[in-house]
Amino acid sequence: MVVVAIIAILAAIALPSYRRHVLHANRAAAESLMMEIASAQERYLIDKRSYGSLDDLGYGTQPVSVSANYKLDMTVSAGPPPSYSITATAQGSQAADTGCTKLTLGGDGSKGPTTGCWK
């Protein structure tokens, strides 16, 4: 009985910590993809003199590791000056990542929310 109690206590401590780690890893994957897309946007801008859509950049289909947890959207403005904004909205179990359920990355490098969600 003592062994069962010890296992229950360890599980009660370990599971929430593991869950936080999984949420953080999923968020880091989404942030990494958003930064990749931003880099692709800058290369596209040099070539085409405007920003492109996710399809133009080759990101019409996101990796399963991100799409299972986040819905990615991007808005492009012709300007002047031209700009874009990438938004990743948590979905499914990732929605438990309170305070970081909607990540944004602007063409000017601005990131949101600024409450420690970005690594």
PDB file of N, CA and C in Angstrom:
ATOM      1  N   MET A   1       0.822  -1.195   0.000  1.00  0.00           N
ATOM      2  CA  MET A   1       0.000   0.000   0.000  1.00  0.00           C
ATOM      3  C   MET A   1       0.868   1.262   0.000  1.00  0.00           C
ATOM      4  N   VAL A   2       1.972   1.212   0.725  1.00  0.00           N
ATOM      5  CA  VAL A   2       2.875   2.359   0.781  1.00  0.00           C
ATOM      6  C   VAL A   2       3.480   2.614  -0.598  1.00  0.00           C
ATOM      7  N   VAL A   3       3.828   1.536  -1.298  1.00  0.00           N
ATOM      8  CA  VAL A   3       4.405   1.680  -2.635  1.00  0.00           C
ATOM      9  C   VAL A   3       3.399   2.331  -3.579  1.00  0.00           C
ATOM     10  N   VAL A   4       2.154   1.942  -3.507  1.00  0.00           N
ATOM     11  CA  VAL A   4       1.106   2.528  -4.345  1.00  0.00           C
ATOM     12  C   VAL A   4       0.953   4.008  -4.031  1.00  0.00           C
ATOM     13  N   ALA A   5       1.005   4.364  -2.769  1.00  0.00           N
ATOM     14  CA  ALA A   5       0.885   5.767  -2.379  1.00  0.00           C
ATOM     15  C   ALA A   5       2.058   6.580  -2.905  1.00  0.00           C
ATOM     16  N   ILE A   6       3.270   6.024  -2.840  1.00  0.00           N
ATOM     17  CA  ILE A   6       4.451   6.728  -3.336  1.00  0.00           C
ATOM     18  C   ILE A   6       4.353   6.924  -4.850  1.00  0.00           C
ATOM     19  N   ILE A   7       3.927   5.894  -5.562  1.00  0.00           N
ATOM     20  CA  ILE A   7       3.762   6.002  -7.012  1.00  0.00           C
ATOM     21  C   ILE A   7       2.714   7.052  -7.358  1.00  0.00           C
ATOM     22  N   ALA A   8       1.625   7.088  -6.611  1.00  0.00           N
ATOM     23  CA  ALA A   8       0.574   8.079  -6.859  1.00  0.00           C
ATOM     24  C   ALA A   8       1.097   9.495  -6.637  1.00  0.00           C
ATOM     25  N   ILE A   9       1.882   9.700  -5.609  1.00  0.00           N
ATOM     26  CA  ILE A   9       2.445  11.023  -5.321  1.00  0.00           C
ATOM     27  C   ILE A   9       3.409  11.432  -6.428  1.00  0.00           C
ATOM     28  N   LEU A  10       4.277  10.513  -6.861  1.00  0.00           N
ATOM     29  CA  LEU A  10       5.214  10.822  -7.937  1.00  0.00           C
ATOM     30  C   LEU A  10       4.478  11.137  -9.240  1.00  0.00           C
ATOM     31  N   ALA A  11       3.433  10.386  -9.520  1.00  0.00           N
ATOM     32  CA  ALA A  11       2.652  10.638 -10.735  1.00  0.00           C
ATOM     33  C   ALA A  11       1.962  11.996 -10.660  1.00  0.00           C
ATOM     34  N   ALA A  12       1.458  12.349  -9.493  1.00  0.00           N
ATOM     35  CA  ALA A  12       0.775  13.638  -9.330  1.00  0.00           C
ATOM     36  C   ALA A  12       1.733  14.807  -9.548  1.00  0.00           C
ATOM     37  N   ILE A  13       2.999  14.592  -9.251  1.00  0.00           N
ATOM     38  CA  ILE A  13       3.994  15.639  -9.451  1.00  0.00           C
ATOM     39  C   ILE A  13       4.519  15.635 -10.883  1.00  0.00           C
ATOM     40  N   ALA A  14       4.775  14.449 -11.426  1.00  0.00           N
ATOM     41  CA  ALA A  14       5.425  14.332 -12.726  1.00  0.00           C
ATOM     42  C   ALA A  14       4.503  14.652 -13.900  1.00  0.00           C
ATOM     43  N   LEU A  15       3.266  14.247 -13.866  1.00  0.00           N
ATOM     44  CA  LEU A  15       2.375  14.437 -15.014  1.00  0.00           C
ATOM     45  C   LEU A  15       2.136  15.904 -15.362  1.00  0.00           C
ATOM     46  N   PRO A  16       1.839  16.777 -14.411  1.00  0.00           N
ATOM     47  CA  PRO A  16       1.674  18.198 -14.783  1.00  0.00           C
ATOM     48  C   PRO A  16       2.962  18.807 -15.349  1.00  0.00           C
ATOM     49  N   SER A  17       4.097  18.405 -14.811  1.00  0.00           N
ATOM     50  CA  SER A  17       5.367  18.911 -15.315  1.00  0.00           C
ATOM     51  C   SER A  17       5.598  18.440 -16.754  1.00  0.00           C
ATOM     52  N   TYR A  18       5.293  17.185 -17.010  1.00  0.00           N
ATOM     53  CA  TYR A  18       5.428  16.644 -18.365  1.00  0.00           C
ATOM     54  C   TYR A  18       4.484  17.365 -19.316  1.00  0.00           C
ATOM     55  N   ARG A  19       3.266  17.612 -18.889  1.00  0.00           N
ATOM     56  CA  ARG A  19       2.281  18.301 -19.741  1.00  0.00           C
ATOM     57  C   ARG A  19       2.753  19.708 -20.097  1.00  0.00           C
ATOM     58  N   ARG A  20       3.308  20.437 -19.116  1.00  0.00           N
ATOM     59  CA  ARG A  20       3.848  21.775 -19.384  1.00  0.00           C
ATOM     60  C   ARG A  20       4.984  21.699 -20.404  1.00  0.00           C
ATOM     61  N   HIS A  21       5.811  20.679 -20.268  1.00  0.00           N
ATOM     62  CA  HIS A  21       6.922  20.507 -21.203  1.00  0.00           C
ATOM     63  C   HIS A  21       6.402  20.252 -22.627  1.00  0.00           C
ATOM     64  N   VAL A  22       5.381  19.436 -22.776  1.00  0.00           N
ATOM     65  CA  VAL A  22       4.802  19.144 -24.083  1.00  0.00           C
ATOM     66  C   VAL A  22       4.206  20.407 -24.699  1.00  0.00           C
ATOM     67  N   LEU A  23       3.478  21.187 -23.899  1.00  0.00           N
ATOM     68  CA  LEU A  23       2.901  22.437 -24.399  1.00  0.00           C
ATOM     69  C   LEU A  23       3.996  23.387 -24.879  1.00  0.00           C
ATOM     70  N   HIS A  24       5.062  23.488 -24.100  1.00  0.00           N
ATOM     71  CA  HIS A  24       6.170  24.372 -24.453  1.00  0.00           C
ATOM     72  C   HIS A  24       6.855  23.889 -25.738  1.00  0.00           C
ATOM     73  N   ALA A  25       7.048  22.586 -25.884  1.00  0.00           N
ATOM     74  CA  ALA A  25       7.686  22.039 -27.091  1.00  0.00           C
ATOM     75  C   ALA A  25       6.821  22.285 -28.325  1.00  0.00           C
ATOM     76  N   ASN A  26       5.511  22.125 -28.188  1.00  0.00           N
ATOM     77  CA  ASN A  26       4.604  22.390 -29.314  1.00  0.00           C
ATOM     78  C   ASN A  26       4.641  23.861 -29.701  1.00  0.00           C
ATOM     79  N   ARG A  27       4.673  24.732 -28.711  1.00  0.00           N
ATOM     80  CA  ARG A  27       4.741  26.173 -28.974  1.00  0.00           C
ATOM     81  C   ARG A  27       6.056  26.525 -29.664  1.00  0.00           C
ATOM     82  N   ALA A  28       7.147  25.924 -29.223  1.00  0.00           N
ATOM     83  CA  ALA A  28       8.450  26.181 -29.847  1.00  0.00           C
ATOM     84  C   ALA A  28       8.457  25.739 -31.308  1.00  0.00           C
ATOM     85  N   ALA A  29       7.790  24.635 -31.625  1.00  0.00           N
ATOM     86  CA  ALA A  29       7.705  24.176 -33.016  1.00  0.00           C
ATOM     87  C   ALA A  29       6.942  25.179 -33.871  1.00  0.00           C
ATOM     88  N   ALA A  30       5.851  25.726 -33.339  1.00  0.00           N
ATOM     89  CA  ALA A  30       5.068  26.725 -34.070  1.00  0.00           C
ATOM     90  C   ALA A  30       5.877  28.008 -34.262  1.00  0.00           C
ATOM     91  N   GLU A  31       6.577  28.442 -33.224  1.00  0.00           N
ATOM     92  CA  GLU A  31       7.400  29.648 -33.324  1.00  0.00           C
ATOM     93  C   GLU A  31       8.503  29.466 -34.355  1.00  0.00           C
ATOM     94  N   SER A  32       9.112  28.301 -34.376  1.00  0.00           N
ATOM     95  CA  SER A  32      10.175  28.020 -35.342  1.00  0.00           C
ATOM     96  C   SER A  32       9.641  28.077 -36.771  1.00  0.00           C
ATOM     97  N   LEU A  33       8.470  27.493 -36.999  1.00  0.00           N
ATOM     98  CA  LEU A  33       7.871  27.535 -38.329  1.00  0.00           C
ATOM     99  C   LEU A  33       7.520  28.973 -38.721  1.00  0.00           C
ATOM    100  N   MET A  34       7.023  29.754 -37.772  1.00  0.00           N
ATOM    101  CA  MET A  34       6.691  31.151 -38.066  1.00  0.00           C
ATOM    102  C   MET A  34       7.949  31.932 -38.466  1.00  0.00           C
ATOM    103  N   MET A  35       9.053  31.672 -37.795  1.00  0.00           N
ATOM    104  CA  MET A  35      10.307  32.347 -38.133  1.00  0.00           C
ATOM    105  C   MET A  35      10.810  31.892 -39.505  1.00  0.00           C
ATOM    106  N   GLU A  36      10.630  30.618 -39.831  1.00  0.00           N
ATOM    107  CA  GLU A  36      10.982  30.113 -41.162  1.00  0.00           C
ATOM    108  C   GLU A  36      10.180  30.833 -42.240  1.00  0.00           C
ATOM    109  N   ILE A  37       8.884  30.975 -41.994  1.00  0.00           N
ATOM    110  CA  ILE A  37       8.008  31.650 -42.954  1.00  0.00           C
ATOM    111  C   ILE A  37       8.425  33.114 -43.106  1.00  0.00           C
ATOM    112  N   ALA A  38       8.767  33.770 -42.003  1.00  0.00           N
ATOM    113  CA  ALA A  38       9.211  35.171 -42.070  1.00  0.00           C
ATOM    114  C   ALA A  38      10.479  35.292 -42.915  1.00  0.00           C
ATOM    115  N   SER A  39      11.383  34.356 -42.752  1.00  0.00           N
ATOM    116  CA  SER A  39      12.610  34.363 -43.547  1.00  0.00           C
ATOM    117  C   SER A  39      12.289  34.150 -45.031  1.00  0.00           C
ATOM    118  N   ALA A  40      11.370  33.229 -45.314  1.00  0.00           N
ATOM    119  CA  ALA A  40      10.950  32.989 -46.698  1.00  0.00           C
ATOM    120  C   ALA A  40      10.282  34.237 -47.282  1.00  0.00           C
ATOM    121  N   GLN A  41       9.526  34.967 -46.448  1.00  0.00           N
ATOM    122  CA  GLN A  41       8.884  36.198 -46.911  1.00  0.00           C
ATOM    123  C   GLN A  41       9.929  37.222 -47.358  1.00  0.00           C
ATOM    124  N   GLU A  42      10.980  37.351 -46.588  1.00  0.00           N
ATOM    125  CA  GLU A  42      12.010  38.336 -46.928  1.00  0.00           C
ATOM    126  C   GLU A  42      12.710  37.957 -48.232  1.00  0.00           C
ATOM    127  N   ARG A  43      12.980  36.668 -48.441  1.00  0.00           N
ATOM    128  CA  ARG A  43      13.572  36.229 -49.712  1.00  0.00           C
ATOM    129  C   ARG A  43      12.599  36.486 -50.866  1.00  0.00           C
ATOM    130  N   TYR A  44      11.319  36.219 -50.632  1.00  0.00           N
ATOM    131  CA  TYR A  44      10.298  36.437 -51.658  1.00  0.00           C
ATOM    132  C   TYR A  44      10.204  37.926 -52.008  1.00  0.00           C
ATOM    133  N   LEU A  45      10.273  38.773 -50.991  1.00  0.00           N
ATOM    134  CA  LEU A  45      10.212  40.223 -51.208  1.00  0.00           C
ATOM    135  C   LEU A  45      11.362  40.694 -52.102  1.00  0.00           C
ATOM    136  N   ILE A  46      12.543  40.156 -51.891  1.00  0.00           N
ATOM    137  CA  ILE A  46      13.696  40.549 -52.709  1.00  0.00           C
ATOM    138  C   ILE A  46      13.471  40.149 -54.161  1.00  0.00           C
ATOM    139  N   ASP A  47      12.926  38.964 -54.377  1.00  0.00           N
ATOM    140  CA  ASP A  47      12.716  38.474 -55.742  1.00  0.00           C
ATOM    141  C   ASP A  47      11.526  39.120 -56.441  1.00  0.00           C
ATOM    142  N   LYS A  48      10.411  39.277 -55.734  1.00  0.00           N
ATOM    143  CA  LYS A  48       9.151  39.685 -56.369  1.00  0.00           C
ATOM    144  C   LYS A  48       8.710  41.113 -56.049  1.00  0.00           C
ATOM    145  N   ARG A  49       9.410  41.773 -55.133  1.00  0.00           N
ATOM    146  CA  ARG A  49       9.065  43.141 -54.721  1.00  0.00           C
ATOM    147  C   ARG A  49       7.713  43.245 -54.027  1.00  0.00           C
ATOM    148  N   SER A  50       7.259  42.126 -53.486  1.00  0.00           N
ATOM    149  CA  SER A  50       6.036  42.107 -52.680  1.00  0.00           C
ATOM    150  C   SER A  50       6.089  40.861 -51.805  1.00  0.00           C
ATOM    151  N   TYR A  51       5.241  40.820 -50.803  1.00  0.00           N
ATOM    152  CA  TYR A  51       5.151  39.631 -49.956  1.00  0.00           C
ATOM    153  C   TYR A  51       4.183  38.645 -50.585  1.00  0.00           C
ATOM    154  N   GLY A  52       4.382  37.367 -50.308  1.00  0.00           N
ATOM    155  CA  GLY A  52       3.541  36.330 -50.894  1.00  0.00           C
ATOM    156  C   GLY A  52       2.662  35.645 -49.868  1.00  0.00           C
ATOM    157  N   SER A  53       1.761  34.814 -50.382  1.00  0.00           N
ATOM    158  CA  SER A  53       0.880  34.021 -49.515  1.00  0.00           C
ATOM    159  C   SER A  53       1.636  32.785 -49.029  1.00  0.00           C
ATOM    160  N   LEU A  54       1.030  32.063 -48.116  1.00  0.00           N
ATOM    161  CA  LEU A  54       1.647  30.827 -47.637  1.00  0.00           C
ATOM    162  C   LEU A  54       1.891  29.864 -48.799  1.00  0.00           C
ATOM    163  N   ASP A  55       0.958  29.801 -49.739  1.00  0.00           N
ATOM    164  CA  ASP A  55       1.127  28.929 -50.908  1.00  0.00           C
ATOM    165  C   ASP A  55       2.295  29.396 -51.782  1.00  0.00           C
ATOM    166  N   ASP A  56       2.408  30.712 -51.973  1.00  0.00           N
ATOM    167  CA  ASP A  56       3.512  31.251 -52.773  1.00  0.00           C
ATOM    168  C   ASP A  56       4.865  30.875 -52.174  1.00  0.00           C
ATOM    169  N   LEU A  57       4.909  30.819 -50.851  1.00  0.00           N
ATOM    170  CA  LEU A  57       6.163  30.542 -50.145  1.00  0.00           C
ATOM    171  C   LEU A  57       6.438  29.052 -49.997  1.00  0.00           C
ATOM    172  N   GLY A  58       5.461  28.221 -50.369  1.00  0.00           N
ATOM    173  CA  GLY A  58       5.634  26.777 -50.221  1.00  0.00           C
ATOM    174  C   GLY A  58       5.215  26.243 -48.871  1.00  0.00           C
ATOM    175  N   TYR A  59       4.432  27.023 -48.139  1.00  0.00           N
ATOM    176  CA  TYR A  59       3.965  26.610 -46.818  1.00  0.00           C
ATOM    177  C   TYR A  59       2.450  26.445 -46.780  1.00  0.00           C
ATOM    178  N   GLY A  60       1.848  26.118 -47.922  1.00  0.00           N
ATOM    179  CA  GLY A  60       0.404  25.907 -47.970  1.00  0.00           C
ATOM    180  C   GLY A  60      -0.017  24.765 -47.065  1.00  0.00           C
ATOM    181  N   THR A  61       0.857  23.784 -46.921  1.00  0.00           N
ATOM    182  CA  THR A  61       0.627  22.672 -46.002  1.00  0.00           C
ATOM    183  C   THR A  61       1.740  22.699 -44.967  1.00  0.00           C
ATOM    184  N   GLN A  62       1.360  22.833 -43.703  1.00  0.00           N
ATOM    185  CA  GLN A  62       2.346  22.887 -42.631  1.00  0.00           C
ATOM    186  C   GLN A  62       2.663  21.470 -42.144  1.00  0.00           C
ATOM    187  N   PRO A  63       3.821  21.310 -41.483  1.00  0.00           N
ATOM    188  CA  PRO A  63       4.161  20.007 -40.910  1.00  0.00           C
ATOM    189  C   PRO A  63       3.106  19.570 -39.891  1.00  0.00           C
ATOM    190  N   VAL A  64       2.887  18.275 -39.793  1.00  0.00           N
ATOM    191  CA  VAL A  64       1.885  17.734 -38.872  1.00  0.00           C
ATOM    192  C   VAL A  64       2.208  18.113 -37.431  1.00  0.00           C
ATOM    193  N   SER A  65       3.483  18.214 -37.096  1.00  0.00           N
ATOM    194  CA  SER A  65       3.867  18.567 -35.727  1.00  0.00           C
ATOM    195  C   SER A  65       3.326  19.931 -35.320  1.00  0.00           C
ATOM    196  N   VAL A  66       3.100  20.811 -36.293  1.00  0.00           N
ATOM    197  CA  VAL A  66       2.544  22.130 -35.998  1.00  0.00           C
ATOM    198  C   VAL A  66       1.041  22.150 -36.259  1.00  0.00           C
ATOM    199  N   SER A  67       0.621  21.623 -37.394  1.00  0.00           N
ATOM    200  CA  SER A  67      -0.799  21.710 -37.762  1.00  0.00           C
ATOM    201  C   SER A  67      -1.709  20.946 -36.813  1.00  0.00           C
ATOM    202  N   ALA A  68      -1.178  19.972 -36.091  1.00  0.00           N
ATOM    203  CA  ALA A  68      -1.994  19.241 -35.118  1.00  0.00           C
ATOM    204  C   ALA A  68      -2.305  20.095 -33.897  1.00  0.00           C
ATOM    205  N   ASN A  69      -1.490  21.123 -33.655  1.00  0.00           N
ATOM    206  CA  ASN A  69      -1.638  21.929 -32.443  1.00  0.00           C
ATOM    207  C   ASN A  69      -1.951  23.402 -32.700  1.00  0.00           C
ATOM    208  N   TYR A  70      -1.658  23.890 -33.895  1.00  0.00           N
ATOM    209  CA  TYR A  70      -1.862  25.302 -34.209  1.00  0.00           C
ATOM    210  C   TYR A  70      -2.456  25.466 -35.597  1.00  0.00           C
ATOM    211  N   LYS A  71      -3.286  26.480 -35.750  1.00  0.00           N
ATOM    212  CA  LYS A  71      -3.809  26.863 -37.059  1.00  0.00           C
ATOM    213  C   LYS A  71      -3.043  28.111 -37.468  1.00  0.00           C
ATOM    214  N   LEU A  72      -2.326  28.030 -38.584  1.00  0.00           N
ATOM    215  CA  LEU A  72      -1.530  29.156 -39.064  1.00  0.00           C
ATOM    216  C   LEU A  72      -2.289  29.960 -40.098  1.00  0.00           C
ATOM    217  N   ASP A  73      -2.269  31.280 -39.944  1.00  0.00           N
ATOM    218  CA  ASP A  73      -2.863  32.214 -40.900  1.00  0.00           C
ATOM    219  C   ASP A  73      -1.845  33.324 -41.161  1.00  0.00           C
ATOM    220  N   MET A  74      -1.954  33.917 -42.336  1.00  0.00           N
ATOM    221  CA  MET A  74      -1.082  35.040 -42.650  1.00  0.00           C
ATOM    222  C   MET A  74      -1.863  36.068 -43.443  1.00  0.00           C
ATOM    223  N   THR A  75      -1.707  37.316 -43.060  1.00  0.00           N
ATOM    224  CA  THR A  75      -2.304  38.404 -43.821  1.00  0.00           C
ATOM    225  C   THR A  75      -1.175  39.214 -44.445  1.00  0.00           C
ATOM    226  N   VAL A  76      -1.387  39.625 -45.677  1.00  0.00           N
ATOM    227  CA  VAL A  76      -0.391  40.398 -46.418  1.00  0.00           C
ATOM    228  C   VAL A  76      -1.040  41.702 -46.850  1.00  0.00           C
ATOM    229  N   SER A  77      -0.318  42.799 -46.667  1.00  0.00           N
ATOM    230  CA  SER A  77      -0.790  44.107 -47.104  1.00  0.00           C
ATOM    231  C   SER A  77       0.189  44.656 -48.136  1.00  0.00           C
ATOM    232  N   ALA A  78      -0.355  45.144 -49.259  1.00  0.00           N
ATOM    233  CA  ALA A  78       0.491  45.672 -50.335  1.00  0.00           C
ATOM    234  C   ALA A  78       1.145  46.998 -49.956  1.00  0.00           C
ATOM    235  N   GLY A  79       0.595  47.657 -48.944  1.00  0.00           N
ATOM    236  CA  GLY A  79       1.210  48.882 -48.455  1.00  0.00           C
ATOM    237  C   GLY A  79       0.731  50.122 -49.180  1.00  0.00           C
ATOM    238  N   PRO A  80       1.493  51.153 -49.259  1.00  0.00           N
ATOM    239  CA  PRO A  80       2.890  51.204 -48.865  1.00  0.00           C
ATOM    240  C   PRO A  80       3.054  51.464 -47.378  1.00  0.00           C
ATOM    241  N   PRO A  81       4.082  50.993 -46.762  1.00  0.00           N
ATOM    242  CA  PRO A  81       4.993  49.964 -47.228  1.00  0.00           C
ATOM    243  C   PRO A  81       4.333  48.591 -47.117  1.00  0.00           C
ATOM    244  N   PRO A  82       4.784  47.615 -47.891  1.00  0.00           N
ATOM    245  CA  PRO A  82       4.201  46.277 -47.803  1.00  0.00           C
ATOM    246  C   PRO A  82       4.483  45.673 -46.426  1.00  0.00           C
ATOM    247  N   SER A  83       3.565  44.848 -45.959  1.00  0.00           N
ATOM    248  CA  SER A  83       3.739  44.224 -44.646  1.00  0.00           C
ATOM    249  C   SER A  83       3.009  42.884 -44.613  1.00  0.00           C
ATOM    250  N   TYR A  84       3.271  42.133 -43.562  1.00  0.00           N
ATOM    251  CA  TYR A  84       2.579  40.873 -43.351  1.00  0.00           C
ATOM    252  C   TYR A  84       2.501  40.594 -41.855  1.00  0.00           C
ATOM    253  N   SER A  85       1.599  39.722 -41.504  1.00  0.00           N
ATOM    254  CA  SER A  85       1.454  39.282 -40.118  1.00  0.00           C
ATOM    255  C   SER A  85       1.100  37.798 -40.129  1.00  0.00           C
ATOM    256  N   ILE A  86       1.840  37.018 -39.352  1.00  0.00           N
ATOM    257  CA  ILE A  86       1.605  35.580 -39.240  1.00  0.00           C
ATOM    258  C   ILE A  86       0.980  35.330 -37.876  1.00  0.00           C
ATOM    259  N   THR A  87      -0.094  34.551 -37.853  1.00  0.00           N
ATOM    260  CA  THR A  87      -0.776  34.224 -36.607  1.00  0.00           C
ATOM    261  C   THR A  87      -0.892  32.718 -36.469  1.00  0.00           C
ATOM    262  N   ALA A  88      -0.533  32.215 -35.302  1.00  0.00           N
ATOM    263  CA  ALA A  88      -0.699  30.797 -34.974  1.00  0.00           C
ATOM    264  C   ALA A  88      -1.662  30.720 -33.792  1.00  0.00           C
ATOM    265  N   THR A  89      -2.806  30.092 -34.004  1.00  0.00           N
ATOM    266  CA  THR A  89      -3.822  29.970 -32.962  1.00  0.00           C
ATOM    267  C   THR A  89      -3.857  28.539 -32.461  1.00  0.00           C
ATOM    268  N   ALA A  90      -3.697  28.375 -31.155  1.00  0.00           N
ATOM    269  CA  ALA A  90      -3.680  27.034 -30.554  1.00  0.00           C
ATOM    270  C   ALA A  90      -5.032  26.359 -30.744  1.00  0.00           C
ATOM    271  N   GLN A  91      -4.981  25.068 -30.976  1.00  0.00           N
ATOM    272  CA  GLN A  91      -6.212  24.291 -31.119  1.00  0.00           C
ATOM    273  C   GLN A  91      -6.026  22.949 -30.429  1.00  0.00           C
ATOM    274  N   GLY A  92      -7.132  22.308 -30.142  1.00  0.00           N
ATOM    275  CA  GLY A  92      -7.088  21.009 -29.483  1.00  0.00           C
ATOM    276  C   GLY A  92      -6.509  21.115 -28.079  1.00  0.00           C
ATOM    277  N   SER A  93      -5.686  20.156 -27.719  1.00  0.00           N
ATOM    278  CA  SER A  93      -5.120  20.138 -26.366  1.00  0.00           C
ATOM    279  C   SER A  93      -4.141  21.283 -26.141  1.00  0.00           C
ATOM    280  N   GLN A  94      -3.614  21.880 -27.207  1.00  0.00           N
ATOM    281  CA  GLN A  94      -2.680  23.000 -27.063  1.00  0.00           C
ATOM    282  C   GLN A  94      -3.376  24.238 -26.525  1.00  0.00           C
ATOM    283  N   ALA A  95      -4.686  24.301 -26.617  1.00  0.00           N
ATOM    284  CA  ALA A  95      -5.435  25.442 -26.095  1.00  0.00           C
ATOM    285  C   ALA A  95      -5.285  25.568 -24.574  1.00  0.00           C
ATOM    286  N   ALA A  96      -4.767  24.534 -23.928  1.00  0.00           N
ATOM    287  CA  ALA A  96      -4.515  24.597 -22.486  1.00  0.00           C
ATOM    288  C   ALA A  96      -3.285  25.449 -22.165  1.00  0.00           C
ATOM    289  N   ASP A  97      -2.558  25.877 -23.169  1.00  0.00           N
ATOM    290  CA  ASP A  97      -1.374  26.721 -22.983  1.00  0.00           C
ATOM    291  C   ASP A  97      -1.831  28.159 -22.759  1.00  0.00           C
ATOM    292  N   THR A  98      -2.447  28.397 -21.615  1.00  0.00           N
ATOM    293  CA  THR A  98      -3.073  29.689 -21.337  1.00  0.00           C
ATOM    294  C   THR A  98      -2.074  30.831 -21.429  1.00  0.00           C
ATOM    295  N   GLY A  99      -2.538  31.930 -21.966  1.00  0.00           N
ATOM    296  CA  GLY A  99      -1.704  33.110 -22.136  1.00  0.00           C
ATOM    297  C   GLY A  99      -0.911  33.097 -23.435  1.00  0.00           C
ATOM    298  N   CYS A 100      -0.779  31.918 -24.044  1.00  0.00           N
ATOM    299  CA  CYS A 100       0.000  31.796 -25.282  1.00  0.00           C
ATOM    300  C   CYS A 100      -0.811  31.073 -26.356  1.00  0.00           C
ATOM    301  N   THR A 101      -2.115  31.252 -26.330  1.00  0.00           N
ATOM    302  CA  THR A 101      -2.950  30.533 -27.291  1.00  0.00           C
ATOM    303  C   THR A 101      -2.957  31.189 -28.670  1.00  0.00           C
ATOM    304  N   LYS A 102      -2.520  32.437 -28.761  1.00  0.00           N
ATOM    305  CA  LYS A 102      -2.468  33.118 -30.053  1.00  0.00           C
ATOM    306  C   LYS A 102      -1.125  33.814 -30.179  1.00  0.00           C
ATOM    307  N   LEU A 103      -0.275  33.275 -31.043  1.00  0.00           N
ATOM    308  CA  LEU A 103       1.046  33.835 -31.277  1.00  0.00           C
ATOM    309  C   LEU A 103       1.018  34.652 -32.559  1.00  0.00           C
ATOM    310  N   THR A 104       1.656  35.806 -32.556  1.00  0.00           N
ATOM    311  CA  THR A 104       1.726  36.625 -33.763  1.00  0.00           C
ATOM    312  C   THR A 104       3.168  37.031 -34.036  1.00  0.00           C
ATOM    313  N   LEU A 105       3.470  37.161 -35.317  1.00  0.00           N
ATOM    314  CA  LEU A 105       4.781  37.628 -35.758  1.00  0.00           C
ATOM    315  C   LEU A 105       4.552  38.577 -36.918  1.00  0.00           C
ATOM    316  N   GLY A 106       4.972  39.812 -36.748  1.00  0.00           N
ATOM    317  CA  GLY A 106       4.784  40.820 -37.791  1.00  0.00           C
ATOM    318  C   GLY A 106       5.990  40.939 -38.698  1.00  0.00           C
ATOM    319  N   GLY A 107       5.780  41.518 -39.850  1.00  0.00           N
ATOM    320  CA  GLY A 107       6.860  41.730 -40.801  1.00  0.00           C
ATOM    321  C   GLY A 107       7.944  42.656 -40.278  1.00  0.00           C
ATOM    322  N   ASP A 108       7.602  43.449 -39.274  1.00  0.00           N
ATOM    323  CA  ASP A 108       8.588  44.340 -38.667  1.00  0.00           C
ATOM    324  C   ASP A 108       9.343  43.680 -37.520  1.00  0.00           C
ATOM    325  N   GLY A 109       9.082  42.377 -37.303  1.00  0.00           N
ATOM    326  CA  GLY A 109       9.753  41.647 -36.238  1.00  0.00           C
ATOM    327  C   GLY A 109       9.013  41.646 -34.920  1.00  0.00           C
ATOM    328  N   SER A 110       7.876  42.332 -34.855  1.00  0.00           N
ATOM    329  CA  SER A 110       7.120  42.373 -33.605  1.00  0.00           C
ATOM    330  C   SER A 110       6.516  41.007 -33.315  1.00  0.00           C
ATOM    331  N   LYS A 111       6.536  40.641 -32.038  1.00  0.00           N
ATOM    332  CA  LYS A 111       6.018  39.345 -31.601  1.00  0.00           C
ATOM    333  C   LYS A 111       4.986  39.560 -30.511  1.00  0.00           C
ATOM    334  N   GLY A 112       3.983  38.721 -30.517  1.00  0.00           N
ATOM    335  CA  GLY A 112       2.973  38.815 -29.469  1.00  0.00           C
ATOM    336  C   GLY A 112       2.512  37.416 -29.094  1.00  0.00           C
ATOM    337  N   PRO A 113       2.023  37.218 -27.937  1.00  0.00           N
ATOM    338  CA  PRO A 113       2.052  38.163 -26.817  1.00  0.00           C
ATOM    339  C   PRO A 113       3.477  38.286 -26.240  1.00  0.00           C
ATOM    340  N   THR A 114       3.679  39.335 -25.518  1.00  0.00           N
ATOM    341  CA  THR A 114       5.019  39.617 -24.985  1.00  0.00           C
ATOM    342  C   THR A 114       5.186  39.113 -23.549  1.00  0.00           C
ATOM    343  N   THR A 115       4.335  38.210 -23.118  1.00  0.00           N
ATOM    344  CA  THR A 115       4.347  37.745 -21.730  1.00  0.00           C
ATOM    345  C   THR A 115       5.209  36.515 -21.516  1.00  0.00           C
ATOM    346  N   GLY A 116       6.253  36.340 -22.314  1.00  0.00           N
ATOM    347  CA  GLY A 116       7.144  35.203 -22.117  1.00  0.00           C
ATOM    348  C   GLY A 116       6.789  33.992 -22.951  1.00  0.00           C
ATOM    349  N   CYS A 117       5.937  34.163 -23.931  1.00  0.00           N
ATOM    350  CA  CYS A 117       5.562  33.026 -24.778  1.00  0.00           C
ATOM    351  C   CYS A 117       6.671  32.698 -25.762  1.00  0.00           C
ATOM    352  N   TRP A 118       7.351  33.702 -26.266  1.00  0.00           N
ATOM    353  CA  TRP A 118       8.412  33.478 -27.249  1.00  0.00           C
ATOM    354  C   TRP A 118       9.695  33.127 -26.525  1.00  0.00           C
ATOM    355  N   LYS A 119      10.428  32.163 -27.053  1.00  0.00           N
ATOM    356  CA  LYS A 119      11.676  31.759 -26.420  1.00  0.00           C
ATOM    357  C   LYS A 119      12.790  32.722 -26.706  1.00  0.00           C
TER     358      LYS A 119
END
